N, C-alpha and C. Protein backbone atom coordinates (compact mmCIF):
# COMPACT_ATOMS: atom_id res chain seq x y z
N UNK A 1 6.54 -0.04 7.91
CA UNK A 1 5.97 -1.37 7.80
C UNK A 1 4.83 -1.42 6.78
N UNK A 2 3.95 -0.42 6.82
CA UNK A 2 2.85 -0.39 5.85
C UNK A 2 3.40 -0.25 4.44
N UNK A 3 4.44 0.55 4.29
CA UNK A 3 5.02 0.75 2.97
C UNK A 3 5.52 -0.54 2.36
N UNK A 4 6.14 -1.36 3.18
CA UNK A 4 6.65 -2.64 2.70
C UNK A 4 5.51 -3.54 2.22
N UNK A 5 4.42 -3.56 2.97
CA UNK A 5 3.26 -4.38 2.59
C UNK A 5 2.58 -3.82 1.34
N UNK A 6 2.55 -2.50 1.22
CA UNK A 6 1.99 -1.91 0.00
C UNK A 6 2.83 -2.30 -1.22
N UNK A 7 4.15 -2.25 -1.07
CA UNK A 7 5.04 -2.62 -2.17
C UNK A 7 4.85 -4.09 -2.54
N UNK A 8 4.75 -4.96 -1.54
CA UNK A 8 4.53 -6.39 -1.80
C UNK A 8 3.21 -6.60 -2.57
N UNK A 9 2.16 -5.93 -2.12
CA UNK A 9 0.86 -6.08 -2.78
C UNK A 9 0.91 -5.54 -4.21
N UNK A 10 1.61 -4.42 -4.41
CA UNK A 10 1.71 -3.85 -5.75
C UNK A 10 2.49 -4.77 -6.68
N UNK A 11 3.60 -5.31 -6.21
CA UNK A 11 4.38 -6.19 -7.08
C UNK A 11 3.63 -7.51 -7.33
N UNK A 12 2.90 -7.98 -6.32
CA UNK A 12 2.09 -9.20 -6.52
C UNK A 12 1.00 -8.97 -7.57
N UNK A 13 0.50 -7.73 -7.62
CA UNK A 13 -0.52 -7.38 -8.61
C UNK A 13 0.11 -7.06 -9.97
N UNK A 14 1.44 -7.14 -10.04
CA UNK A 14 2.19 -6.85 -11.27
C UNK A 14 1.88 -5.45 -11.80
N UNK A 15 1.91 -4.51 -10.86
CA UNK A 15 1.65 -3.12 -11.21
C UNK A 15 2.89 -2.28 -10.92
N UNK A 16 3.13 -1.31 -11.77
CA UNK A 16 4.16 -0.33 -11.48
C UNK A 16 3.54 0.74 -10.58
N UNK A 17 4.40 1.56 -10.00
CA UNK A 17 3.88 2.66 -9.20
C UNK A 17 3.01 3.57 -10.07
N UNK A 18 3.41 3.75 -11.30
CA UNK A 18 2.65 4.61 -12.21
C UNK A 18 1.26 4.04 -12.48
N UNK A 19 1.17 2.73 -12.76
CA UNK A 19 -0.13 2.11 -13.01
C UNK A 19 -1.02 2.18 -11.78
N UNK A 20 -0.43 1.94 -10.60
CA UNK A 20 -1.20 2.01 -9.36
C UNK A 20 -1.69 3.43 -9.11
N UNK A 21 -0.82 4.40 -9.33
CA UNK A 21 -1.22 5.79 -9.09
C UNK A 21 -2.39 6.18 -10.00
N UNK A 22 -2.33 5.75 -11.25
CA UNK A 22 -3.43 6.04 -12.19
C UNK A 22 -4.72 5.36 -11.73
N UNK A 23 -4.63 4.09 -11.35
CA UNK A 23 -5.81 3.33 -10.94
C UNK A 23 -6.43 3.89 -9.65
N UNK A 24 -5.59 4.39 -8.76
CA UNK A 24 -6.08 4.92 -7.48
C UNK A 24 -6.37 6.41 -7.54
N UNK A 25 -5.96 7.06 -8.62
CA UNK A 25 -6.22 8.48 -8.77
C UNK A 25 -5.36 9.36 -7.90
N UNK A 26 -4.10 8.96 -7.70
CA UNK A 26 -3.17 9.76 -6.90
C UNK A 26 -1.85 9.89 -7.65
N UNK A 27 -1.01 10.78 -7.19
CA UNK A 27 0.28 11.02 -7.84
C UNK A 27 1.25 9.86 -7.61
N UNK A 28 2.04 9.52 -8.63
CA UNK A 28 3.00 8.43 -8.52
C UNK A 28 4.02 8.69 -7.42
N UNK A 29 4.45 9.93 -7.27
CA UNK A 29 5.45 10.23 -6.25
C UNK A 29 4.91 9.95 -4.85
N UNK A 30 3.58 10.10 -4.67
CA UNK A 30 2.99 9.80 -3.37
C UNK A 30 3.03 8.31 -3.07
N UNK A 31 2.88 7.48 -4.09
CA UNK A 31 3.02 6.02 -3.90
C UNK A 31 4.43 5.72 -3.37
N UNK A 32 5.42 6.35 -3.95
CA UNK A 32 6.80 6.15 -3.51
C UNK A 32 6.97 6.59 -2.06
N UNK A 33 6.40 7.73 -1.72
CA UNK A 33 6.50 8.23 -0.35
C UNK A 33 5.87 7.23 0.62
N UNK A 34 4.73 6.67 0.26
CA UNK A 34 4.07 5.68 1.11
C UNK A 34 4.90 4.41 1.23
N UNK A 35 5.45 3.93 0.11
CA UNK A 35 6.22 2.69 0.12
C UNK A 35 7.53 2.84 0.91
N UNK A 36 8.01 4.05 1.04
CA UNK A 36 9.22 4.29 1.83
C UNK A 36 8.90 4.70 3.27
N UNK A 37 7.64 4.55 3.66
CA UNK A 37 7.17 4.86 5.02
C UNK A 37 7.50 6.28 5.46
N UNK A 38 7.47 7.21 4.52
CA UNK A 38 7.72 8.62 4.87
C UNK A 38 6.43 9.30 5.30
N UNK A 39 5.30 8.75 4.90
CA UNK A 39 3.98 9.22 5.32
C UNK A 39 3.05 8.02 5.40
N UNK A 40 1.95 8.22 6.10
CA UNK A 40 0.90 7.20 6.16
C UNK A 40 -0.32 7.72 5.43
N UNK A 41 -1.01 6.84 4.71
CA UNK A 41 -2.20 7.29 3.98
C UNK A 41 -3.39 7.50 4.90
N UNK A 42 -4.32 8.32 4.46
CA UNK A 42 -5.60 8.42 5.17
C UNK A 42 -6.34 7.10 4.95
N UNK A 43 -7.36 6.87 5.73
CA UNK A 43 -8.16 5.65 5.57
C UNK A 43 -8.79 5.63 4.18
N UNK A 44 -9.32 6.75 3.74
CA UNK A 44 -9.93 6.83 2.42
C UNK A 44 -8.92 6.47 1.33
N UNK A 45 -7.74 7.03 1.43
CA UNK A 45 -6.70 6.76 0.44
C UNK A 45 -6.26 5.30 0.48
N UNK A 46 -6.16 4.74 1.68
CA UNK A 46 -5.80 3.33 1.80
C UNK A 46 -6.81 2.45 1.10
N UNK A 47 -8.10 2.76 1.25
CA UNK A 47 -9.14 2.00 0.56
C UNK A 47 -9.02 2.13 -0.96
N UNK A 48 -8.74 3.33 -1.44
CA UNK A 48 -8.58 3.54 -2.89
C UNK A 48 -7.41 2.73 -3.43
N UNK A 49 -6.31 2.73 -2.70
CA UNK A 49 -5.13 1.96 -3.12
C UNK A 49 -5.43 0.47 -3.11
N UNK A 50 -6.05 0.01 -2.03
CA UNK A 50 -6.36 -1.42 -1.92
C UNK A 50 -7.35 -1.85 -3.00
N UNK A 51 -8.34 -1.01 -3.29
CA UNK A 51 -9.28 -1.33 -4.36
C UNK A 51 -8.54 -1.46 -5.69
N UNK A 52 -7.62 -0.55 -5.95
CA UNK A 52 -6.85 -0.59 -7.20
C UNK A 52 -5.97 -1.83 -7.27
N UNK A 53 -5.49 -2.29 -6.11
CA UNK A 53 -4.63 -3.48 -6.06
C UNK A 53 -5.44 -4.78 -6.03
N UNK A 54 -6.72 -4.68 -5.73
CA UNK A 54 -7.54 -5.88 -5.63
C UNK A 54 -7.31 -6.64 -4.34
N UNK A 55 -6.94 -5.93 -3.27
CA UNK A 55 -6.74 -6.54 -1.96
C UNK A 55 -7.61 -5.82 -0.95
N UNK A 56 -7.87 -6.48 0.17
CA UNK A 56 -8.66 -5.82 1.21
C UNK A 56 -7.74 -5.01 2.12
N UNK A 57 -8.25 -3.90 2.59
CA UNK A 57 -7.48 -3.07 3.53
C UNK A 57 -7.24 -3.84 4.82
N UNK A 58 -8.23 -4.59 5.26
CA UNK A 58 -8.07 -5.35 6.50
C UNK A 58 -6.99 -6.42 6.36
N UNK A 59 -6.94 -7.06 5.21
CA UNK A 59 -5.90 -8.06 4.97
C UNK A 59 -4.52 -7.45 4.95
N UNK A 60 -4.40 -6.30 4.31
CA UNK A 60 -3.12 -5.61 4.24
C UNK A 60 -2.68 -5.18 5.64
N UNK A 61 -3.61 -4.63 6.41
CA UNK A 61 -3.27 -4.20 7.76
C UNK A 61 -2.96 -5.37 8.68
N UNK A 62 -3.59 -6.51 8.46
CA UNK A 62 -3.27 -7.67 9.29
C UNK A 62 -1.84 -8.15 9.01
N UNK A 63 -1.39 -8.00 7.77
CA UNK A 63 0.00 -8.33 7.43
C UNK A 63 0.95 -7.38 8.15
N UNK A 64 0.61 -6.10 8.19
CA UNK A 64 1.42 -5.11 8.90
C UNK A 64 1.46 -5.45 10.40
N UNK A 65 0.32 -5.81 10.95
CA UNK A 65 0.27 -6.17 12.36
C UNK A 65 1.11 -7.41 12.66
N UNK A 66 1.05 -8.40 11.80
CA UNK A 66 1.84 -9.62 12.01
C UNK A 66 3.33 -9.30 11.93
N UNK A 67 3.72 -8.45 10.99
CA UNK A 67 5.12 -8.06 10.86
C UNK A 67 5.58 -7.29 12.10
N UNK A 68 4.72 -6.43 12.59
CA UNK A 68 5.03 -5.64 13.77
C UNK A 68 5.22 -6.55 14.99
N UNK A 69 4.34 -7.54 15.17
CA UNK A 69 4.45 -8.45 16.31
C UNK A 69 5.71 -9.30 16.21
N UNK A 70 6.08 -9.68 14.98
CA UNK A 70 7.26 -10.51 14.79
C UNK A 70 8.54 -9.76 15.17
N UNK A 71 8.51 -8.45 15.07
CA UNK A 71 9.71 -7.65 15.38
C UNK A 71 9.86 -7.37 16.87
N UNK A 72 8.83 -7.67 17.66
CA UNK A 72 8.90 -7.41 19.11
C UNK A 72 9.75 -8.41 19.82
């Protein structure tokens, strides 16, 4: 679920995985792993990604929570 919201935020910011990875200081392949929900980021990493995307971590997580509630 978080991966889907990260992908939405990245595409809304008109960024490629490569541009986001550079801006956040992490490997591009890790962005892919996160977007495919194969791993979850640490809180620190989530903040770095959100800062690079220009979105708040709380806003992103509230989207994940809303999606999760909708699936119940």
